[in-house]
Amino acid sequence: MAKNDGGPAFPVSDGLDFFTGMTLRDWFAGMALQGLLACSTVNGAPKDLVMDAYDYADMMLAERGK
C-alpha cells in the first residue's frame, strides 16, 4: 500500500496548466527535519534523522486525516 502523501502542498495553476510541486508529506518532513537539526540534544546519522522526519510527517498526516 502506498504511503499517504497528503496531496500537493502548494498547488498552483497558471490558468492552462496545474503544477503540484512537493507533496504535503515532503513539506511536513522538511519542517520536522528542520526542528530535529535545530535541537542540540538530537544526535544520529543523517539517514536516521531523515527517517525520523518522515515518521513525524506520517503521524501528522494520520492525525490530519481523522
Protein backbone atom coordinates (compact mmCIF):
# COMPACT_ATOMS: atom_id res chain seq x y z
CA MET A 1 0.00 0.00 0.00
CA ALA A 2 1.33 3.43 -0.94
CA LYS A 3 2.01 5.99 1.75
CA ASN A 4 -0.46 8.84 2.07
CA ASP A 5 1.43 11.81 0.61
CA GLY A 6 -1.26 14.33 1.56
CA GLY A 7 -1.52 15.62 -1.97
CA PRO A 8 0.22 18.74 -3.23
CA ALA A 9 1.50 21.12 -0.57
CA PHE A 10 1.36 24.27 -2.69
CA PRO A 11 -0.63 23.63 -5.87
CA VAL A 12 -0.74 26.47 -8.37
CA SER A 13 -2.34 26.99 -11.74
CA ASP A 14 -1.38 29.43 -14.44
CA GLY A 15 -4.81 29.02 -16.00
CA LEU A 16 -3.60 26.46 -18.51
CA ASP A 17 -1.52 24.01 -16.54
CA PHE A 18 -1.66 22.73 -12.97
CA PHE A 19 1.62 22.45 -11.09
CA THR A 20 1.60 20.35 -7.95
CA GLY A 21 5.14 20.83 -6.63
CA MET A 22 6.14 18.95 -3.49
CA THR A 23 3.75 16.81 -1.53
CA LEU A 24 2.38 17.74 1.86
CA ARG A 25 4.26 14.72 3.27
CA ASP A 26 7.54 16.14 1.95
CA TRP A 27 6.71 19.57 3.39
CA PHE A 28 5.87 18.12 6.81
CA ALA A 29 9.06 16.01 6.76
CA GLY A 30 11.16 19.04 5.84
CA MET A 31 9.70 21.05 8.69
CA ALA A 32 10.22 18.17 11.13
CA LEU A 33 13.82 17.72 9.94
CA GLN A 34 14.45 21.43 10.42
CA GLY A 35 13.31 21.12 14.03
CA LEU A 36 15.36 17.99 14.63
CA LEU A 37 18.52 19.62 13.27
CA ALA A 38 17.95 22.77 15.33
CA CYS A 39 17.79 20.77 18.57
CA SER A 40 21.25 20.45 20.08
CA THR A 41 20.29 17.32 22.05
CA VAL A 42 19.26 15.31 18.97
CA ASN A 43 22.00 13.05 17.69
CA GLY A 44 22.11 10.46 14.96
CA ALA A 45 23.19 9.65 11.46
CA PRO A 46 21.66 11.85 8.77
CA LYS A 47 19.75 8.90 7.31
CA ASP A 48 18.23 8.16 10.72
CA LEU A 49 17.17 11.78 11.19
CA VAL A 50 15.56 11.83 7.75
CA MET A 51 13.68 8.63 8.52
CA ASP A 52 12.53 10.15 11.83
CA ALA A 53 11.36 13.27 9.99
CA TYR A 54 9.23 11.17 7.62
CA ASP A 55 7.84 9.25 10.60
CA TYR A 56 6.72 12.58 12.06
CA ALA A 57 5.25 13.58 8.71
CA ASP A 58 3.30 10.31 8.51
CA MET A 59 1.97 10.87 12.03
CA MET A 60 0.89 14.41 11.14
CA LEU A 61 -0.92 13.19 8.03
CA ALA A 62 -2.63 10.42 10.01
CA GLU A 63 -3.81 12.90 12.63
CA ARG A 64 -4.92 15.34 9.95
CA GLY A 65 -6.99 12.59 8.33
CA LYS A 66 -9.04 11.91 11.46
